[in-house]
């Protein structure tokens, strides 16, 4: 092996704990690059919403730099955003203190590559180009404006719909204006790569999906007739999807399978989610071990109506040998064969039938689950995926 590659990761939050897709995707890339002998530093905005202790991830990085920031949404900020070229949810991550921190880092360290975790951090490209000769790479976790476009289509409140549409347009402008400043873009799905190509992006462009770390346990007691969902309720598409499932689909299931149980877990589930309680519904909130939670149930569901990128929890559930029912959007960006390693259903009646089939036909459910794990093992190993990052860096040098 040649000289180690020096990389600076820049993120809009601490990539820990590993209970969020963005955190997982950021952390594992650093973890395996370090195991390959490379040097990875991290600079991140330590938001009040996701505030974390850098010592929790110190073992994965050579150096860690943090800048506390308050990203709370305020009425003043919302009003002000109408007169700003930046969309509000991006402007909240703009920090003069962080700019000064980045200048200090770049003046005192030399990097081969600076990898921005998500399009929001493109805010800082002018500073990076001014103070470093490192090539700048975007790790695109999703096409952000597409998430907001889909959310707007499913929003009935007129004012809220208008604001989300307005926000989506501004995010799209920001993403399309900044993408040409990257030396390379690593998309997380093939569809996202196609989008960037259609924007006439001229730099190095490739797709490297996110993966899973094998944590399958044998002999776990599964709750009979149980289905489950886990995901952050601080992410709007998750909340939207569960609202839809509980109102449109769960009544159909419980009418035919009165013993069925629906277990919901995820961070951000405070008392405001108590209205989800009902017959057969169990609200867990934040659970200590996502893998254990998933494996304790019979069927894993992904009833998403919006979103972007790919859902790492789907890949994890595949690796945990779970039978999965998902909408097309929920399984977007993931390689699968419908009816063989995952069941794809989009209407309430279809989803109900798919769940009923898996709960009532154990042999079929086991076949789907085994096929899902086989695909995950063959295609979504973190070590193999991060080796492709390493290959890309070496080709860019």
Protein backbone atom coordinates (compact mmCIF):
# COMPACT_ATOMS: atom_id res chain seq x y z
CA UNK A 1 0.00 0.00 0.00
CA UNK A 2 1.18 3.55 -0.78
CA UNK A 3 1.06 6.61 1.42
CA UNK A 4 -2.09 7.05 3.49
CA UNK A 5 -4.76 9.34 2.09
CA UNK A 6 -5.58 12.34 4.30
CA UNK A 7 -9.28 13.18 4.38
CA UNK A 8 -11.31 15.84 6.16
CA UNK A 9 -14.96 14.94 6.64
CA UNK A 10 -17.30 17.89 7.16
CA UNK A 11 -20.76 17.18 8.57
CA UNK A 12 -23.71 19.23 9.79
CA UNK A 13 -24.00 17.08 12.95
CA UNK A 14 -22.04 14.56 14.98
CA UNK A 15 -22.27 11.15 13.24
CA UNK A 16 -23.30 9.38 16.42
CA UNK A 17 -25.18 7.53 17.86
CA UNK A 18 -25.62 5.02 15.06
CA UNK A 19 -29.41 5.20 15.09
CA UNK A 20 -29.80 7.41 12.03
CA UNK A 21 -29.10 6.70 8.38
CA UNK A 22 -26.92 9.76 7.87
CA UNK A 23 -24.88 9.02 10.98
CA UNK A 24 -24.37 5.41 9.99
CA UNK A 25 -23.31 6.30 6.44
CA UNK A 26 -20.82 8.90 7.69
CA UNK A 27 -19.37 6.87 10.58
CA UNK A 28 -18.78 3.62 8.71
CA UNK A 29 -16.93 5.32 5.87
CA UNK A 30 -14.52 6.85 8.41
CA UNK A 31 -14.31 3.57 10.34
CA UNK A 32 -13.21 1.48 7.38
CA UNK A 33 -10.98 4.12 5.81
CA UNK A 34 -9.10 4.16 9.11
CA UNK A 35 -8.91 0.35 9.10
CA UNK A 36 -7.41 0.57 5.60
CA UNK A 37 -4.62 2.77 6.99
CA UNK A 38 -5.86 6.20 5.93
CA UNK A 39 -6.08 9.36 8.05
CA UNK A 40 -9.52 10.86 8.58
CA UNK A 41 -10.26 14.08 10.47
CA UNK A 42 -13.76 15.34 11.22
CA UNK A 43 -15.14 18.88 11.49
CA UNK A 44 -18.80 19.10 12.42
CA UNK A 45 -21.49 21.46 13.61
CA UNK A 46 -22.62 20.25 17.03
CA UNK A 47 -26.27 21.23 16.87
CA UNK A 48 -28.38 21.68 19.98
CA UNK A 49 -30.90 19.21 18.53
CA UNK A 50 -28.34 16.42 18.07
CA UNK A 51 -25.68 17.58 20.51
CA UNK A 52 -23.09 14.91 21.18
CA UNK A 53 -19.79 14.29 22.93
CA UNK A 54 -16.87 14.04 20.47
CA UNK A 55 -15.24 11.47 22.76
CA UNK A 56 -17.96 9.00 21.65
CA UNK A 57 -16.34 8.80 18.20
CA UNK A 58 -12.75 9.69 19.03
CA UNK A 59 -11.55 6.19 18.18
CA UNK A 60 -12.62 6.54 14.55
CA UNK A 61 -10.79 9.79 13.78
CA UNK A 62 -7.30 11.24 13.84
CA UNK A 63 -8.55 14.69 14.90
CA UNK A 64 -12.02 16.00 15.69
CA UNK A 65 -13.14 19.63 15.54
CA UNK A 66 -16.58 20.73 16.71
CA UNK A 67 -18.51 23.99 16.60
CA UNK A 68 -21.67 24.27 18.73
CA UNK A 69 -24.61 25.84 16.90
CA UNK A 70 -28.28 26.51 17.61
CA UNK A 71 -30.39 25.41 14.65
CA UNK A 72 -33.81 25.85 16.26
CA UNK A 73 -36.54 27.05 13.90
CA UNK A 74 -37.79 30.52 14.87
CA UNK A 75 -40.57 32.76 13.56
CA UNK A 76 -38.01 35.50 12.92
CA UNK A 77 -35.84 33.07 11.00
CA UNK A 78 -38.77 31.90 8.88
CA UNK A 79 -39.77 35.48 8.01
CA UNK A 80 -36.18 36.47 7.30
CA UNK A 81 -35.74 33.46 5.02
CA UNK A 82 -38.26 34.88 2.53
CA UNK A 83 -35.77 37.67 1.81
CA UNK A 84 -32.70 35.45 1.67
CA UNK A 85 -31.41 33.56 -1.39
CA UNK A 86 -30.67 30.62 0.89
CA UNK A 87 -33.46 28.22 1.93
CA UNK A 88 -34.09 28.43 5.66
CA UNK A 89 -33.24 24.84 6.51
CA UNK A 90 -29.80 25.37 4.92
CA UNK A 91 -29.21 28.86 6.27
CA UNK A 92 -29.63 27.52 9.82
CA UNK A 93 -26.29 25.75 9.37
CA UNK A 94 -24.40 28.88 8.40
CA UNK A 95 -21.91 29.85 11.10
CA UNK A 96 -19.14 32.44 11.08
CA UNK A 97 -17.57 30.58 14.02
CA UNK A 98 -17.47 27.39 11.96
CA UNK A 99 -15.94 29.31 9.05
CA UNK A 100 -13.17 30.50 11.38
CA UNK A 101 -12.74 26.95 12.64
CA UNK A 102 -12.38 25.64 9.09
CA UNK A 103 -9.79 28.30 8.25
CA UNK A 104 -7.80 27.30 11.34
CA UNK A 105 -8.02 23.60 10.41
CA UNK A 106 -6.90 24.17 6.83
CA UNK A 107 -4.06 26.47 7.81
CA UNK A 108 -2.68 23.88 10.22
CA UNK A 109 -3.37 20.62 8.35
CA UNK A 110 -2.89 19.35 4.83
CA UNK A 111 -5.53 17.17 3.18
CA UNK A 112 -5.79 15.29 -0.08
CA UNK A 113 -9.58 15.36 -0.01
CA UNK A 114 -12.35 17.21 1.78
CA UNK A 115 -15.55 15.19 1.85
CA UNK A 116 -18.78 17.07 2.54
CA UNK A 117 -21.48 14.90 4.07
CA UNK A 118 -24.59 16.19 2.32
CA UNK A 119 -25.37 19.17 0.11
CA UNK A 120 -26.01 21.55 3.03
CA UNK A 121 -22.29 21.79 3.74
CA UNK A 122 -21.73 23.27 0.28
CA UNK A 123 -22.26 26.52 2.19
CA UNK A 124 -18.58 26.37 3.06
CA UNK A 125 -17.07 25.66 -0.37
CA UNK A 126 -15.75 29.25 -0.85
CA UNK A 127 -13.80 28.98 2.43
CA UNK A 128 -12.48 25.53 1.54
CA UNK A 129 -11.29 26.56 -1.93
CA UNK A 130 -9.64 29.70 -0.60
CA UNK A 131 -7.63 27.94 2.10
CA UNK A 132 -6.95 24.47 0.69
CA UNK A 133 -5.83 22.78 -2.51
CA UNK A 134 -7.57 19.56 -1.52
CA UNK A 135 -10.11 18.13 -3.93
CA UNK A 136 -13.66 18.52 -2.69
CA UNK A 137 -16.02 15.54 -2.75
CA UNK A 138 -19.75 15.54 -2.08
CA UNK A 139 -21.11 12.44 -0.37
CA UNK A 140 -24.68 12.88 -1.51
CA UNK A 141 -26.98 11.14 0.98
CA UNK A 142 -30.00 12.17 -1.11
CA UNK A 143 -31.29 14.82 -3.51
CA UNK A 144 -32.66 17.06 -0.78
CA UNK A 145 -35.16 19.09 -2.80
CA UNK A 146 -36.89 15.93 -4.04
CA UNK A 147 -37.82 15.02 -0.46
CA UNK A 148 -39.54 18.37 -0.01
CA UNK A 149 -41.28 18.16 -3.39
CA UNK A 150 -42.79 14.83 -2.40
CA UNK A 151 -43.79 16.13 1.02
CA UNK A 152 -45.60 19.08 -0.59
CA UNK A 153 -47.62 16.74 -2.83
CA UNK A 154 -48.92 14.88 0.23
CA UNK A 155 -49.71 18.03 2.25
CA UNK A 156 -53.35 19.16 2.38
CA UNK A 157 -52.90 22.35 4.45
CA UNK A 158 -52.76 25.16 1.85
CA UNK A 159 -50.32 27.43 3.68
CA UNK A 160 -48.03 24.57 4.67
CA UNK A 161 -48.14 23.21 1.12
CA UNK A 162 -47.16 26.62 -0.31
CA UNK A 163 -44.27 27.01 2.13
CA UNK A 164 -42.90 23.50 1.47
CA UNK A 165 -43.13 24.07 -2.31
CA UNK A 166 -41.33 27.39 -1.90
CA UNK A 167 -38.67 25.74 0.23
CA UNK A 168 -38.21 22.90 -2.28
CA UNK A 169 -37.65 25.38 -5.13
CA UNK A 170 -34.98 27.27 -3.18
CA UNK A 171 -33.23 24.06 -2.15
CA UNK A 172 -33.22 22.91 -5.77
CA UNK A 173 -31.61 26.16 -6.88
CA UNK A 174 -28.96 25.85 -4.15
CA UNK A 175 -28.20 22.21 -4.99
CA UNK A 176 -27.96 22.85 -8.72
CA UNK A 177 -25.80 25.97 -8.34
CA UNK A 178 -23.31 24.38 -5.95
CA UNK A 179 -22.91 20.90 -7.46
CA UNK A 180 -20.53 22.15 -10.17
CA UNK A 181 -18.04 23.22 -7.48
CA UNK A 182 -17.28 19.63 -6.50
CA UNK A 183 -14.37 17.70 -7.98
CA UNK A 184 -16.33 14.49 -7.43
CA UNK A 185 -19.80 13.43 -6.33
CA UNK A 186 -20.57 10.08 -4.72
CA UNK A 187 -24.30 9.43 -5.10
CA UNK A 188 -26.00 6.95 -2.82
CA UNK A 189 -28.36 5.55 -5.49
CA UNK A 190 -28.25 5.06 -9.24
CA UNK A 191 -31.28 7.35 -9.63
CA UNK A 192 -29.43 10.13 -7.83
CA UNK A 193 -26.43 9.62 -10.12
CA UNK A 194 -28.72 9.98 -13.14
CA UNK A 195 -30.08 13.21 -11.70
CA UNK A 196 -26.59 14.69 -11.39
CA UNK A 197 -25.73 13.60 -14.94
CA UNK A 198 -28.86 15.31 -16.19
CA UNK A 199 -27.65 18.54 -14.56
CA UNK A 200 -24.62 18.35 -16.87
CA UNK A 201 -22.21 17.71 -14.02
CA UNK A 202 -18.67 17.45 -15.47
CA UNK A 203 -16.68 16.08 -12.52
CA UNK A 204 -16.09 12.50 -11.39
CA UNK A 205 -19.43 10.90 -10.62
CA UNK A 206 -20.12 7.47 -9.17
CA UNK A 207 -22.65 5.62 -7.04
CA UNK A 208 -21.64 3.91 -3.81
CA UNK A 209 -24.59 2.72 -1.77
CA UNK A 210 -24.74 2.50 2.00
CA UNK A 211 -24.42 -0.85 3.71
CA UNK A 212 -24.94 -2.83 6.89
CA UNK A 213 -22.80 -4.39 9.59
CA UNK A 214 -23.83 -7.98 10.24
CA UNK A 215 -25.49 -8.33 13.65
CA UNK A 216 -27.84 -11.27 13.07
CA UNK A 217 -28.55 -13.20 16.25
CA UNK A 218 -29.99 -16.69 16.34
CA UNK A 219 -32.74 -18.00 18.61
CA UNK A 220 -34.37 -14.64 19.23
CA UNK A 221 -37.95 -15.04 20.41
CA UNK A 222 -40.27 -13.29 18.00
CA UNK A 223 -43.55 -11.78 19.12
CA UNK A 224 -46.38 -13.67 17.39
CA UNK A 225 -48.41 -11.77 14.75
CA UNK A 226 -46.18 -8.72 15.12
CA UNK A 227 -45.03 -6.16 12.59
CA UNK A 228 -42.60 -3.34 13.30
CA UNK A 229 -41.21 -0.06 12.10
CA UNK A 230 -38.17 1.83 13.35
CA UNK A 231 -36.96 5.23 12.20
CA UNK A 232 -36.33 8.75 13.42
CA UNK A 233 -39.55 10.67 13.95
CA UNK A 234 -37.53 13.85 13.57
CA UNK A 235 -37.48 13.08 9.84
CA UNK A 236 -40.77 14.22 8.30
CA UNK A 237 -41.20 11.36 5.75
CA UNK A 238 -41.14 8.78 8.58
CA UNK A 239 -43.83 10.58 10.54
CA UNK A 240 -45.91 11.11 7.41
CA UNK A 241 -45.64 7.42 6.50
CA UNK A 242 -46.72 6.16 9.92
CA UNK A 243 -49.61 8.64 10.05
CA UNK A 244 -50.80 7.22 6.73
CA UNK A 245 -50.29 3.60 7.79
CA UNK A 246 -52.21 4.03 11.05
CA UNK A 247 -55.14 5.84 9.47
CA UNK A 248 -55.48 3.92 6.19
CA UNK A 249 -53.93 0.47 6.62
CA UNK A 250 -53.88 -0.60 10.27
CA UNK A 251 -57.71 -0.69 10.53
CA UNK A 252 -57.75 -3.10 7.55
CA UNK A 253 -55.19 -5.36 9.21
CA UNK A 254 -56.75 -5.42 12.66
CA UNK A 255 -60.19 -6.18 11.12
CA UNK A 256 -58.86 -9.40 9.58
CA UNK A 257 -56.12 -10.21 12.09
CA UNK A 258 -57.42 -9.00 15.49
CA UNK A 259 -54.40 -10.49 17.30
CA UNK A 260 -51.91 -8.49 15.23
CA UNK A 261 -49.55 -6.03 16.93
CA UNK A 262 -47.77 -3.04 15.44
CA UNK A 263 -44.60 -1.99 17.27
CA UNK A 264 -43.19 1.48 16.50
CA UNK A 265 -39.76 2.66 17.61
CA UNK A 266 -37.49 5.59 16.87
CA UNK A 267 -35.91 8.65 18.35
CA UNK A 268 -37.93 11.82 18.76
CA UNK A 269 -41.11 10.04 19.89
CA UNK A 270 -42.20 12.30 22.73
CA UNK A 271 -45.67 12.75 24.25
CA UNK A 272 -46.91 14.44 21.09
CA UNK A 273 -47.08 10.97 19.50
CA UNK A 274 -49.51 9.60 22.09
CA UNK A 275 -52.37 9.99 19.57
CA UNK A 276 -50.90 7.00 17.72
CA UNK A 277 -51.92 4.69 20.57
CA UNK A 278 -54.70 2.25 19.75
CA UNK A 279 -55.70 -1.40 19.53
CA UNK A 280 -52.64 -3.55 18.98
CA UNK A 281 -50.29 -0.56 18.72
CA UNK A 282 -47.20 -0.47 20.95
CA UNK A 283 -45.12 2.72 21.08
CA UNK A 284 -41.51 2.05 22.12
CA UNK A 285 -39.79 5.37 21.45
CA UNK A 286 -36.00 5.18 21.39
CA UNK A 287 -34.81 1.59 21.84
CA UNK A 288 -31.33 0.56 23.09
CA UNK A 289 -30.61 -1.81 20.19
CA UNK A 290 -32.27 -1.39 16.78
CA UNK A 291 -31.17 -4.83 15.55
CA UNK A 292 -32.70 -6.59 18.56
CA UNK A 293 -35.92 -4.61 18.14
CA UNK A 294 -36.23 -5.53 14.47
CA UNK A 295 -35.49 -9.22 15.04
CA UNK A 296 -38.05 -9.46 17.84
CA UNK A 297 -40.88 -9.12 15.29
CA UNK A 298 -42.27 -11.12 12.38
CA UNK A 299 -42.47 -8.49 9.63
CA UNK A 300 -40.65 -5.21 9.01
CA UNK A 301 -42.61 -2.50 7.20
CA UNK A 302 -41.58 0.66 5.34
CA UNK A 303 -44.76 2.62 4.50
CA UNK A 304 -43.09 5.77 3.12
CA UNK A 305 -44.82 8.19 0.75
CA UNK A 306 -41.88 10.57 0.38
CA UNK A 307 -38.16 10.67 1.00
CA UNK A 308 -34.97 10.43 -0.99
CA UNK A 309 -31.69 8.55 -1.15
CA UNK A 310 -32.00 5.10 0.43
CA UNK A 311 -33.25 3.79 3.76
CA UNK A 312 -30.41 2.08 5.58
CA UNK A 313 -32.88 0.44 7.96
CA UNK A 314 -34.24 -1.53 4.99
CA UNK A 315 -30.76 -2.84 4.19
CA UNK A 316 -30.24 -3.61 7.88
CA UNK A 317 -33.56 -5.50 8.06
CA UNK A 318 -32.56 -7.48 4.96
CA UNK A 319 -29.27 -8.38 6.64
CA UNK A 320 -31.16 -9.39 9.78
CA UNK A 321 -33.14 -11.91 7.70
CA UNK A 322 -36.46 -10.13 8.04
CA UNK A 323 -39.38 -10.38 5.63
CA UNK A 324 -40.09 -6.81 4.51
CA UNK A 325 -43.13 -5.01 3.10
CA UNK A 326 -42.33 -1.62 1.58
CA UNK A 327 -43.74 0.98 -0.73
CA UNK A 328 -41.68 1.64 -3.87
CA UNK A 329 -40.49 4.92 -2.37
CA UNK A 330 -39.54 3.16 0.88
CA UNK A 331 -37.30 0.71 -0.99
CA UNK A 332 -35.97 3.30 -3.42
CA UNK A 333 -32.28 3.00 -4.22
CA UNK A 334 -32.02 -0.57 -2.93
CA UNK A 335 -31.42 -3.55 -5.20
CA UNK A 336 -34.22 -6.08 -4.87
CA UNK A 337 -36.44 -8.48 -6.78
CA UNK A 338 -40.05 -7.84 -5.80
CA UNK A 339 -41.74 -10.97 -4.51
CA UNK A 340 -38.41 -12.72 -4.02
CA UNK A 341 -36.48 -10.80 -1.35
CA UNK A 342 -38.95 -8.04 -0.49
CA UNK A 343 -42.68 -7.40 -1.04
CA UNK A 344 -43.46 -4.10 -2.75
CA UNK A 345 -46.96 -2.71 -2.19
CA UNK A 346 -48.24 0.85 -2.58
CA UNK A 347 -51.98 0.92 -1.84
CA UNK A 348 -53.56 0.26 1.56
CA UNK A 349 -55.23 -2.91 0.27
CA UNK A 350 -51.99 -4.22 -1.25
CA UNK A 351 -49.97 -3.51 1.90
CA UNK A 352 -52.60 -5.20 4.06
CA UNK A 353 -52.55 -8.31 1.87
CA UNK A 354 -48.73 -8.47 1.81
CA UNK A 355 -48.51 -8.22 5.61
CA UNK A 356 -51.29 -10.77 6.05
CA UNK A 357 -49.51 -13.19 3.69
CA UNK A 358 -46.22 -12.95 5.58
CA UNK A 359 -47.89 -13.36 8.98
CA UNK A 360 -49.99 -16.33 7.88
CA UNK A 361 -47.55 -18.20 5.64
CA UNK A 362 -44.39 -18.81 7.65
CA UNK A 363 -42.69 -20.88 4.95
CA UNK A 364 -43.08 -18.08 2.39
CA UNK A 365 -41.99 -15.45 4.92
CA UNK A 366 -38.86 -17.48 5.72
CA UNK A 367 -38.00 -17.76 2.02
CA UNK A 368 -38.34 -14.01 1.49
CA UNK A 369 -36.22 -13.38 4.59
CA UNK A 370 -33.43 -15.76 3.56
CA UNK A 371 -33.28 -14.23 0.09
CA UNK A 372 -33.13 -10.75 1.60
CA UNK A 373 -30.20 -11.66 3.81
CA UNK A 374 -28.36 -13.30 0.94
CA UNK A 375 -28.66 -10.13 -1.14
CA UNK A 376 -27.54 -7.95 1.76
CA UNK A 377 -24.50 -10.15 2.39
CA UNK A 378 -23.56 -10.15 -1.30
CA UNK A 379 -24.12 -6.48 -2.09
CA UNK A 380 -24.11 -4.34 1.04
CA UNK A 381 -20.98 -5.16 3.05
CA UNK A 382 -19.60 -1.90 4.49
CA UNK A 383 -16.02 -3.08 4.06
CA UNK A 384 -16.52 -3.72 0.35
CA UNK A 385 -18.42 -0.47 -0.19
CA UNK A 386 -15.79 1.67 1.55
CA UNK A 387 -13.08 -0.05 -0.49
CA UNK A 388 -14.75 1.64 -3.47
CA UNK A 389 -14.33 5.02 -1.74
CA UNK A 390 -10.65 4.22 -1.35
CA UNK A 391 -10.39 3.29 -5.04
CA UNK A 392 -12.09 6.54 -6.07
CA UNK A 393 -9.73 8.64 -3.94
CA UNK A 394 -6.68 6.95 -5.42
CA UNK A 395 -7.95 7.52 -8.95
CA UNK A 396 -8.57 11.20 -8.17
CA UNK A 397 -5.07 11.80 -6.75
